[in-house]
Amino acid sequence: MGFDLVIRGGKTACGGKFSLRDVFVRDGVIAAVRPPAKALPPARRVIDARGLLVLPGIIDAHAHFRLKLGPGRYTSDDFASGSAAAVCGGTTTFLDYTGQGPGESPAKGLRARLKEAEGRCYADFSFHCMLTGWEKMKDPAGEMAAAVKAGAPTFKMFTAYGARGLMAGDAALDAALKAAARLGALVCVHAENGPVIDLLTETYAGRGIQALPLSRPPFTETEAVGRVAALAASAGAPVYFVHLSAGGSAALVAAARKAGCKALGETCPQYLSLYESRFKGKDGHLYSCCPPIRTKKDNAELWKSLGRGQLQVLATDNCTFTRAQKDAWGGDIRKLPMGLPGAQTLLAAAYTHGVKAGKVSLKKLVQVLCENPARIMGLSTKGFIKPGLDADFAIIDPSASVKADWRKLQHNTDFSPWQGQKLYGFPKYTVLRGTVVAEGGELTAPKTFGGRFLRRSKPNII
């Protein structure tokens, strides 16, 4: 019996190390991984990967596509353009978020987002459930259980954005963490001190883009990380901190883990490789995101934390806007859309600024982009190259570079935070369940949406 696809002779991430292997695919799953052979069995397609790196398909554990901003207003990447960018950048699975209002059912929110996404995605996908308005729900723990049963065992809570009804108080966080511990679920937390940020925002509102770092200094993040970690330790529950931007926050996660708390941390390329000096340029407002990009020292500390395993996941927090959307702020920080495009540049930015720069090993990069997200997020068929799992791959030429240019990216926007940078690690091929879905930065079948919704198992806390 022949194979649908053979990936021949690439330096392959397999068994915790890289070695030359032939990878055989049948019916969308990995059938075998073997040492290179001179003669290959029959296959419908053979990719000659000699001289290339064969990675598992990247998992973006934190993305926002078609995020609703208000009545009839959305971020500029919808599921089609966002997932196109993702697969062209080597990502084969992404996790977005439900969007129901505070106090509304997470399971209902999941069903609504599925209707938006199904039939419009090039990558496989799942959703974290927003868990806001805890006090307004009749049976919030029961609502969590229903979402877990529906295949969405991860939930997002906020310690900021009180005016939008998103902020959870300590009592709600404590109750949710205890419920998650009983259910085998995971609470993901946007950790910033909302009341302090609100106060500082009003104080510095007239300072233009400089109001962003002034109103969200590092202590507003680290305070919330420490407080929530303490609540999680008291509840005996795991907790996952999204988009950490400050070196001090990573240190607190490390200290919590050392003390026995099941704390996990995620960071993003913008917090590893972009500096707050970007705010000084004429287009400084284009770099707005929350938390804000910080200092070179923070960048360096976050890289060290990734390398030591003190942070476990690297994701994008992709939240795309056009220049026109950003420009509409009119100099008022309270009206500035927060977020950056990053789905297509996740692997390339991380490989360039991490592996090529000598800040992390290639093995560690695979852990934080593939293996750890698969384990932590309950993606049991993803993240590894071994028989029986989905045949998802990002195949890169480690010697090839591309100058980043928004005009050549799939995002529905007209700028990139990496514009003009020479980036390594853009995939030569992206393979989703045995099908080459992107080649050389372009979709292979632009009208074929092959992405599937993934029902996830309970998180495996590492």
Protein backbone atom coordinates (compact mmCIF):
# COMPACT_ATOMS: atom_id res chain seq x y z
CA MET A 1 0.00 0.00 0.00
CA GLY A 2 1.35 3.40 -0.96
CA PHE A 3 1.26 6.71 0.86
CA ASP A 4 -0.44 10.02 0.18
CA LEU A 5 2.67 12.02 1.06
CA VAL A 6 6.30 11.37 1.85
CA ILE A 7 8.54 14.06 3.31
CA ARG A 8 12.00 12.89 2.41
CA GLY A 9 15.26 13.29 4.31
CA GLY A 10 14.56 16.44 6.31
CA LYS A 11 16.10 17.33 9.65
CA THR A 12 13.00 16.39 11.61
CA ALA A 13 11.82 17.27 15.11
CA CYS A 14 11.24 13.81 16.48
CA GLY A 15 11.55 12.27 19.93
CA GLY A 16 12.88 15.42 21.55
CA LYS A 17 15.72 15.87 19.10
CA PHE A 18 16.41 16.62 15.43
CA SER A 19 17.52 13.85 13.12
CA LEU A 20 17.32 13.01 9.43
CA ARG A 21 14.08 11.18 8.77
CA ASP A 22 11.60 10.19 6.10
CA VAL A 23 8.02 10.90 7.19
CA PHE A 24 5.16 8.90 5.67
CA VAL A 25 1.56 10.12 5.61
CA ARG A 26 -1.63 8.26 4.88
CA ASP A 27 -5.25 9.41 5.33
CA GLY A 28 -4.21 12.65 7.00
CA VAL A 29 -2.16 11.10 9.79
CA ILE A 30 1.49 10.21 10.22
CA ALA A 31 1.86 6.55 9.30
CA ALA A 32 5.59 6.15 9.94
CA VAL A 33 8.81 8.02 10.70
CA ARG A 34 11.95 6.22 9.54
CA PRO A 35 15.65 6.80 8.89
CA PRO A 36 16.29 7.96 5.31
CA ALA A 37 16.13 5.27 2.66
CA LYS A 38 17.60 5.23 -0.83
CA ALA A 39 14.37 3.97 -2.33
CA LEU A 40 10.92 5.16 -1.32
CA PRO A 41 7.60 3.32 -1.54
CA PRO A 42 4.93 4.66 -3.90
CA ALA A 43 3.42 8.00 -2.89
CA ARG A 44 1.08 10.49 -4.50
CA ARG A 45 3.48 13.28 -3.61
CA VAL A 46 7.05 13.45 -2.37
CA ILE A 47 8.53 16.58 -0.80
CA ASP A 48 12.31 16.56 -0.98
CA ALA A 49 13.17 18.04 2.42
CA ARG A 50 16.90 17.38 2.30
CA GLY A 51 18.58 20.50 3.71
CA LEU A 52 15.31 21.64 5.26
CA LEU A 53 13.91 21.61 8.80
CA VAL A 54 10.70 19.65 9.34
CA LEU A 55 8.77 21.00 12.34
CA PRO A 56 5.35 20.02 13.67
CA GLY A 57 2.64 22.38 12.52
CA ILE A 58 2.75 25.49 14.69
CA ILE A 59 -0.04 25.96 17.25
CA ASP A 60 -1.04 29.55 17.94
CA ALA A 61 -2.68 29.30 21.34
CA HIS A 62 -3.88 32.93 21.37
CA ALA A 63 -5.42 34.59 18.32
CA HIS A 64 -8.25 37.02 17.61
CA PHE A 65 -9.99 36.93 14.23
CA ARG A 66 -13.20 38.83 13.54
CA LEU A 67 -13.16 40.24 17.04
CA LYS A 68 -16.26 42.33 17.59
CA LEU A 69 -15.52 45.90 18.68
CA GLY A 70 -19.07 47.24 18.73
CA PRO A 71 -22.22 47.24 16.60
CA GLY A 72 -21.09 46.33 13.07
CA ARG A 73 -17.42 46.92 13.94
CA TYR A 74 -14.74 44.23 13.81
CA THR A 75 -10.99 43.81 13.62
CA SER A 76 -9.77 43.75 10.03
CA ASP A 77 -8.77 40.07 9.86
CA ASP A 78 -11.74 37.75 9.59
CA PHE A 79 -11.42 33.97 9.84
CA ALA A 80 -10.56 33.63 6.16
CA SER A 81 -7.77 36.21 5.99
CA GLY A 82 -6.49 35.42 9.49
CA SER A 83 -6.27 31.69 8.92
CA ALA A 84 -4.73 32.27 5.48
CA ALA A 85 -2.01 34.30 7.15
CA ALA A 86 -1.61 31.59 9.77
CA VAL A 87 -1.05 28.70 7.37
CA CYS A 88 1.23 30.76 5.14
CA GLY A 89 3.32 31.35 8.27
CA GLY A 90 3.43 27.67 9.28
CA THR A 91 0.56 27.63 11.78
CA THR A 92 -1.82 24.71 11.30
CA THR A 93 -3.94 25.17 14.44
CA PHE A 94 -5.12 28.33 16.21
CA LEU A 95 -7.19 29.00 19.31
CA ASP A 96 -9.48 32.01 19.23
CA TYR A 97 -12.04 33.17 21.81
CA THR A 98 -15.79 33.19 22.17
CA GLY A 99 -17.40 36.61 22.21
CA GLN A 100 -20.56 36.43 24.29
CA GLY A 101 -21.38 39.29 26.63
CA PRO A 102 -20.74 39.39 30.39
CA GLY A 103 -22.97 36.92 32.23
CA GLU A 104 -23.97 35.05 29.08
CA SER A 105 -23.47 31.32 28.62
CA PRO A 106 -19.96 30.26 27.49
CA ALA A 107 -21.42 27.22 25.72
CA LYS A 108 -23.83 29.47 23.84
CA GLY A 109 -20.93 31.74 22.94
CA LEU A 110 -19.04 28.72 21.65
CA ARG A 111 -21.90 27.72 19.37
CA ALA A 112 -22.14 31.28 18.02
CA ARG A 113 -18.43 31.47 17.21
CA LEU A 114 -18.53 28.08 15.53
CA LYS A 115 -21.15 29.42 13.14
CA GLU A 116 -18.86 32.33 12.31
CA ALA A 117 -15.78 30.19 11.73
CA GLU A 118 -16.91 26.92 10.18
CA GLY A 119 -16.32 26.78 6.44
CA ARG A 120 -14.12 29.90 6.55
CA CYS A 121 -10.81 28.59 7.94
CA TYR A 122 -7.68 27.27 6.23
CA ALA A 123 -6.26 26.00 9.54
CA ASP A 124 -7.76 23.78 12.22
CA PHE A 125 -9.17 25.76 15.13
CA SER A 126 -10.73 25.76 18.55
CA PHE A 127 -11.92 28.35 21.07
CA HIS A 128 -11.22 29.44 24.61
CA CYS A 129 -14.46 30.42 26.34
CA MET A 130 -14.77 33.92 27.71
CA LEU A 131 -15.80 33.73 31.36
CA THR A 132 -16.97 37.23 32.23
CA GLY A 133 -19.78 38.47 34.43
CA TRP A 134 -19.40 35.54 36.84
CA GLU A 135 -21.86 37.03 39.34
CA LYS A 136 -24.52 37.46 36.65
CA MET A 137 -24.61 33.75 35.72
CA LYS A 138 -27.15 31.56 37.54
CA ASP A 139 -24.81 28.57 37.63
CA PRO A 140 -21.34 29.61 36.42
CA ALA A 141 -19.66 26.36 37.46
CA GLY A 142 -22.35 24.45 35.59
CA GLU A 143 -21.77 26.66 32.55
CA MET A 144 -18.07 25.81 32.70
CA ALA A 145 -18.90 22.10 32.87
CA ALA A 146 -21.11 22.41 29.77
CA ALA A 147 -18.30 24.07 27.83
CA VAL A 148 -15.81 21.40 28.91
CA LYS A 149 -18.25 18.74 27.70
CA ALA A 150 -18.50 20.58 24.37
CA GLY A 151 -14.74 20.29 23.90
CA ALA A 152 -13.65 23.72 25.16
CA PRO A 153 -11.89 23.16 28.50
CA THR A 154 -10.10 26.52 28.73
CA PHE A 155 -11.58 29.81 29.92
CA LYS A 156 -10.46 33.43 29.84
CA MET A 157 -10.87 35.96 32.63
CA PHE A 158 -9.64 39.54 33.02
CA THR A 159 -8.34 41.65 35.87
CA ALA A 160 -8.90 44.79 33.77
CA TYR A 161 -11.51 46.47 31.52
CA GLY A 162 -14.08 47.09 34.21
CA ALA A 163 -15.95 49.67 32.11
CA ARG A 164 -16.63 46.96 29.52
CA GLY A 165 -17.89 44.51 32.12
CA LEU A 166 -14.96 42.17 31.63
CA MET A 167 -13.03 42.60 34.89
CA ALA A 168 -13.33 39.83 37.48
CA GLY A 169 -12.90 40.56 41.16
CA ASP A 170 -10.90 38.32 43.45
CA ALA A 171 -14.01 36.46 44.64
CA ALA A 172 -14.99 35.56 41.08
CA LEU A 173 -11.45 34.51 40.22
CA ASP A 174 -11.28 32.35 43.34
CA ALA A 175 -14.59 30.66 42.56
CA ALA A 176 -13.67 30.07 38.91
CA LEU A 177 -10.25 28.64 39.79
CA LYS A 178 -11.82 26.24 42.29
CA ALA A 179 -14.42 25.16 39.72
CA ALA A 180 -11.68 24.64 37.13
CA ALA A 181 -9.74 22.46 39.58
CA ARG A 182 -12.80 20.24 40.06
CA LEU A 183 -13.47 20.01 36.32
CA GLY A 184 -9.89 19.49 35.16
CA ALA A 185 -10.21 22.76 33.22
CA LEU A 186 -7.83 25.71 32.90
CA VAL A 187 -8.41 29.40 33.58
CA CYS A 188 -6.39 31.75 31.35
CA VAL A 189 -5.96 35.25 32.76
CA HIS A 190 -5.32 38.64 31.18
CA ALA A 191 -3.39 40.01 34.14
CA GLU A 192 -3.30 43.80 34.46
CA ASN A 193 -4.43 45.97 37.36
CA GLY A 194 -7.49 47.55 35.77
CA PRO A 195 -8.34 50.22 38.37
CA VAL A 196 -4.78 51.54 38.44
CA ILE A 197 -4.63 51.58 34.64
CA ASP A 198 -7.93 53.48 34.49
CA LEU A 199 -6.55 56.06 36.92
CA LEU A 200 -3.28 56.47 35.03
CA THR A 201 -5.06 56.61 31.68
CA GLU A 202 -7.06 59.64 32.81
CA THR A 203 -3.89 61.18 34.22
CA TYR A 204 -1.86 60.84 31.02
CA ALA A 205 -4.63 61.00 28.39
CA GLY A 206 -3.20 64.19 26.89
CA ARG A 207 0.26 62.75 26.26
CA GLY A 208 -0.49 61.11 22.89
CA ILE A 209 0.93 57.65 22.31
CA GLN A 210 3.23 58.04 25.31
CA ALA A 211 0.10 57.70 27.42
CA LEU A 212 0.13 53.98 26.59
CA PRO A 213 3.35 52.97 28.39
CA LEU A 214 2.76 55.62 31.08
CA SER A 215 -0.68 54.26 31.92
CA ARG A 216 0.39 50.62 31.80
CA PRO A 217 3.81 50.48 33.52
CA PRO A 218 5.20 47.00 34.27
CA PHE A 219 3.96 46.95 37.86
CA THR A 220 0.34 46.99 36.65
CA GLU A 221 1.01 43.58 35.09
CA THR A 222 3.26 42.09 37.76
CA GLU A 223 0.87 43.03 40.58
CA ALA A 224 -1.97 41.19 38.88
CA VAL A 225 0.21 38.15 38.09
CA GLY A 226 1.30 37.86 41.71
CA ARG A 227 -2.23 38.28 43.06
CA VAL A 228 -3.81 35.76 40.71
CA ALA A 229 -0.99 33.26 41.24
CA ALA A 230 -1.65 33.46 44.98
CA LEU A 231 -5.37 32.86 44.41
CA ALA A 232 -4.58 29.87 42.20
CA ALA A 233 -2.22 28.41 44.79
CA SER A 234 -4.91 28.80 47.47
CA ALA A 235 -7.48 27.12 45.21
CA GLY A 236 -5.11 24.29 44.26
CA ALA A 237 -5.80 25.14 40.63
CA PRO A 238 -3.65 25.65 37.56
CA VAL A 239 -3.59 29.11 35.99
CA TYR A 240 -2.30 30.28 32.61
CA PHE A 241 -1.18 33.88 32.12
CA VAL A 242 -1.63 35.20 28.59
CA HIS A 243 0.63 37.66 26.71
CA LEU A 244 3.14 38.44 29.47
CA SER A 245 5.19 41.50 28.56
CA ALA A 246 7.40 42.24 31.57
CA GLY A 247 10.46 40.43 32.81
CA GLY A 248 9.16 40.74 36.37
CA SER A 249 5.98 38.87 35.43
CA ALA A 250 7.99 35.95 34.09
CA ALA A 251 10.02 35.91 37.30
CA LEU A 252 6.83 35.74 39.35
CA VAL A 253 5.53 32.80 37.29
CA ALA A 254 8.86 31.04 37.85
CA ALA A 255 8.72 31.71 41.59
CA ALA A 256 5.13 30.48 41.79
CA ARG A 257 6.05 27.26 40.00
CA LYS A 258 9.01 26.74 42.30
CA ALA A 259 6.68 27.13 45.27
CA GLY A 260 4.38 24.44 43.90
CA CYS A 261 1.73 26.53 42.15
CA LYS A 262 0.64 25.18 38.78
CA ALA A 263 1.32 28.49 37.04
CA LEU A 264 1.93 28.72 33.30
CA GLY A 265 3.02 31.68 31.21
CA GLU A 266 2.70 32.77 27.61
CA THR A 267 4.48 35.59 25.79
CA CYS A 268 4.45 36.92 22.23
CA PRO A 269 7.00 37.96 19.58
CA GLN A 270 6.19 41.66 20.05
CA TYR A 271 7.26 41.44 23.69
CA LEU A 272 10.45 39.59 22.81
CA SER A 273 11.74 41.70 19.95
CA LEU A 274 10.04 45.11 19.73
CA TYR A 275 11.00 48.01 21.99
CA GLU A 276 8.99 50.91 23.39
CA SER A 277 11.20 53.27 21.38
CA ARG A 278 8.86 52.41 18.49
CA PHE A 279 6.34 54.77 20.05
CA LYS A 280 8.60 57.73 19.27
CA GLY A 281 8.22 57.50 15.50
CA LYS A 282 5.55 59.24 13.45
CA ASP A 283 3.69 55.94 13.20
CA GLY A 284 4.19 55.10 16.86
CA HIS A 285 0.48 54.60 17.45
CA LEU A 286 0.48 51.68 15.00
CA TYR A 287 2.42 49.67 17.59
CA SER A 288 -0.29 49.96 20.22
CA CYS A 289 -1.20 46.76 22.02
CA CYS A 290 -2.14 45.80 25.58
CA PRO A 291 0.03 45.24 27.49
CA PRO A 292 2.37 47.60 25.60
CA ILE A 293 5.73 46.64 24.12
CA ARG A 294 8.43 47.37 26.68
CA THR A 295 12.21 47.70 27.04
CA LYS A 296 15.19 45.77 25.72
CA LYS A 297 15.76 44.56 29.27
CA ASP A 298 12.25 43.10 29.40
CA ASN A 299 12.84 41.47 26.01
CA ALA A 300 16.04 39.87 27.26
CA GLU A 301 14.46 38.60 30.47
CA LEU A 302 11.54 37.07 28.59
CA TRP A 303 13.89 35.24 26.21
CA LYS A 304 15.80 33.87 29.19
CA SER A 305 12.56 32.74 30.81
CA LEU A 306 11.51 30.91 27.63
CA GLY A 307 14.90 29.26 27.36
CA ARG A 308 14.76 28.08 30.98
CA GLY A 309 11.25 26.72 30.64
CA GLN A 310 9.86 29.30 33.05
CA LEU A 311 7.44 30.46 30.34
CA GLN A 312 5.86 27.62 28.43
CA VAL A 313 4.13 29.03 25.34
CA LEU A 314 4.84 31.51 22.56
CA ALA A 315 1.71 32.80 20.81
CA THR A 316 0.64 35.87 18.83
CA ASP A 317 -2.32 37.61 20.46
CA ASN A 318 -3.02 38.46 16.82
CA CYS A 319 -5.48 41.37 16.69
CA THR A 320 -5.35 43.09 13.33
CA PHE A 321 -6.31 46.64 12.44
CA THR A 322 -5.74 48.78 9.36
CA ARG A 323 -3.97 52.12 9.41
CA ALA A 324 -7.34 53.83 9.00
CA GLN A 325 -8.69 52.06 12.08
CA LYS A 326 -5.63 53.04 14.10
CA ASP A 327 -5.54 56.59 12.75
CA ALA A 328 -9.12 57.23 13.91
CA TRP A 329 -7.91 57.60 17.51
CA GLY A 330 -7.37 61.32 17.00
CA GLY A 331 -4.61 61.46 19.60
CA ASP A 332 -6.84 60.15 22.41
CA ILE A 333 -5.35 56.98 23.90
CA ARG A 334 -8.81 55.95 25.11
CA LYS A 335 -9.95 55.63 21.48
CA LEU A 336 -6.88 53.85 20.10
CA PRO A 337 -7.48 50.24 18.92
CA MET A 338 -5.06 47.92 20.68
CA GLY A 339 -3.50 45.02 18.82
CA LEU A 340 -1.02 43.91 16.16
CA PRO A 341 -1.04 41.50 13.22
CA GLY A 342 1.18 38.51 13.91
CA ALA A 343 -0.31 35.25 12.61
CA GLN A 344 1.90 34.99 9.52
CA THR A 345 5.10 36.09 11.24
CA LEU A 346 4.92 34.01 14.45
CA LEU A 347 7.36 31.30 13.39
CA ALA A 348 9.62 33.59 11.35
CA ALA A 349 9.94 36.27 14.05
CA ALA A 350 10.59 33.66 16.72
CA TYR A 351 13.11 31.74 14.61
CA THR A 352 14.95 34.90 13.54
CA HIS A 353 15.09 36.72 16.87
CA GLY A 354 15.34 33.55 18.95
CA VAL A 355 17.17 30.71 17.23
CA LYS A 356 19.24 32.69 14.70
CA ALA A 357 20.15 35.22 17.40
CA GLY A 358 21.27 32.46 19.76
CA LYS A 359 18.69 33.26 22.45
CA VAL A 360 16.90 29.90 22.41
CA SER A 361 17.59 26.51 20.91
CA LEU A 362 15.61 25.10 18.02
CA LYS A 363 14.47 22.32 20.37
CA LYS A 364 13.09 24.91 22.80
CA LEU A 365 11.34 26.76 19.97
CA VAL A 366 9.51 23.57 19.00
CA GLN A 367 8.51 23.07 22.61
CA VAL A 368 6.96 26.53 23.05
CA LEU A 369 5.33 26.70 19.60
CA CYS A 370 4.16 23.09 19.22
CA GLU A 371 4.59 20.59 22.00
CA ASN A 372 3.65 22.65 25.05
CA PRO A 373 0.57 24.28 23.47
CA ALA A 374 -0.64 20.82 22.40
CA ARG A 375 -0.31 19.42 25.91
CA ILE A 376 -1.57 22.44 27.82
CA MET A 377 -4.54 23.13 25.54
CA GLY A 378 -5.70 19.53 25.20
CA LEU A 379 -4.86 19.13 21.51
CA SER A 380 -4.20 15.41 21.65
CA THR A 381 -3.56 14.87 17.92
CA LYS A 382 -1.29 17.88 17.40
CA GLY A 383 2.13 19.23 18.30
CA PHE A 384 4.41 16.24 17.67
CA ILE A 385 5.78 14.29 14.73
CA LYS A 386 5.00 10.70 15.57
CA PRO A 387 2.82 7.93 14.10
CA GLY A 388 -0.90 8.22 14.72
CA LEU A 389 -0.99 12.01 15.05
CA ASP A 390 -2.25 14.51 12.51
CA ALA A 391 0.19 15.04 9.65
CA ASP A 392 0.76 18.75 10.30
CA PHE A 393 4.13 20.24 9.37
CA ALA A 394 5.94 23.53 8.90
CA ILE A 395 8.90 22.88 6.61
CA ILE A 396 11.49 25.65 6.50
CA ASP A 397 14.76 26.40 4.78
CA PRO A 398 16.99 27.65 7.65
CA SER A 399 19.24 29.55 5.23
CA ALA A 400 16.49 31.43 3.38
CA SER A 401 15.40 34.91 4.42
CA VAL A 402 12.52 37.12 3.34
CA LYS A 403 12.19 40.86 3.86
CA ALA A 404 8.90 41.34 5.68
CA ASP A 405 6.43 43.39 3.64
CA TRP A 406 2.75 43.74 4.47
CA ARG A 407 1.96 43.75 0.73
CA LYS A 408 3.13 40.13 0.52
CA LEU A 409 1.36 38.92 3.65
CA GLN A 410 -2.14 37.49 3.80
CA HIS A 411 -3.38 39.76 6.58
CA ASN A 412 -6.14 42.21 5.75
CA THR A 413 -4.12 45.27 6.75
CA ASP A 414 -1.69 47.79 5.29
CA PHE A 415 1.17 47.66 7.80
CA SER A 416 3.31 45.13 9.65
CA PRO A 417 5.26 45.63 12.89
CA TRP A 418 8.08 43.69 11.21
CA GLN A 419 8.09 45.78 8.03
CA GLY A 420 11.47 45.73 6.26
CA GLN A 421 13.08 43.24 8.63
CA LYS A 422 14.99 40.30 7.19
CA LEU A 423 13.23 37.28 8.66
CA TYR A 424 14.24 33.64 8.50
CA GLY A 425 11.86 30.75 9.05
CA PHE A 426 8.96 31.50 6.75
CA PRO A 427 7.86 28.01 5.69
CA LYS A 428 8.58 26.61 2.26
CA TYR A 429 5.65 24.23 2.81
CA THR A 430 2.82 24.12 5.33
CA VAL A 431 1.03 20.78 5.58
CA LEU A 432 -2.34 20.30 7.30
CA ARG A 433 -3.44 16.71 7.84
CA GLY A 434 -1.35 15.54 4.92
CA THR A 435 -2.36 18.27 2.46
CA VAL A 436 0.02 21.01 1.40
CA VAL A 437 -2.08 24.10 2.14
CA ALA A 438 0.58 26.76 1.59
CA GLU A 439 3.76 26.90 -0.41
CA GLY A 440 6.25 29.74 -0.53
CA GLY A 441 3.92 32.10 1.33
CA GLU A 442 0.91 31.49 -0.91
CA LEU A 443 -2.20 29.38 -0.47
CA THR A 444 -2.26 26.31 -2.69
CA ALA A 445 -6.08 26.22 -2.88
CA PRO A 446 -7.45 29.69 -2.07
CA LYS A 447 -11.09 28.63 -2.36
CA THR A 448 -10.80 25.48 -0.25
CA PHE A 449 -11.38 25.93 3.47
CA GLY A 450 -10.06 22.71 4.96
CA GLY A 451 -9.84 23.80 8.59
CA ARG A 452 -11.83 21.82 11.14
CA PHE A 453 -13.11 22.59 14.61
CA LEU A 454 -11.18 20.61 17.23
CA ARG A 455 -12.92 19.27 20.31
CA ARG A 456 -10.22 19.32 22.93
CA SER A 457 -9.48 16.98 25.81
CA LYS A 458 -8.71 18.23 29.30
CA PRO A 459 -5.46 20.17 29.66
CA ASN A 460 -2.26 18.35 30.56
CA ILE A 461 -0.58 20.79 32.94
CA ILE A 462 3.20 20.61 32.64
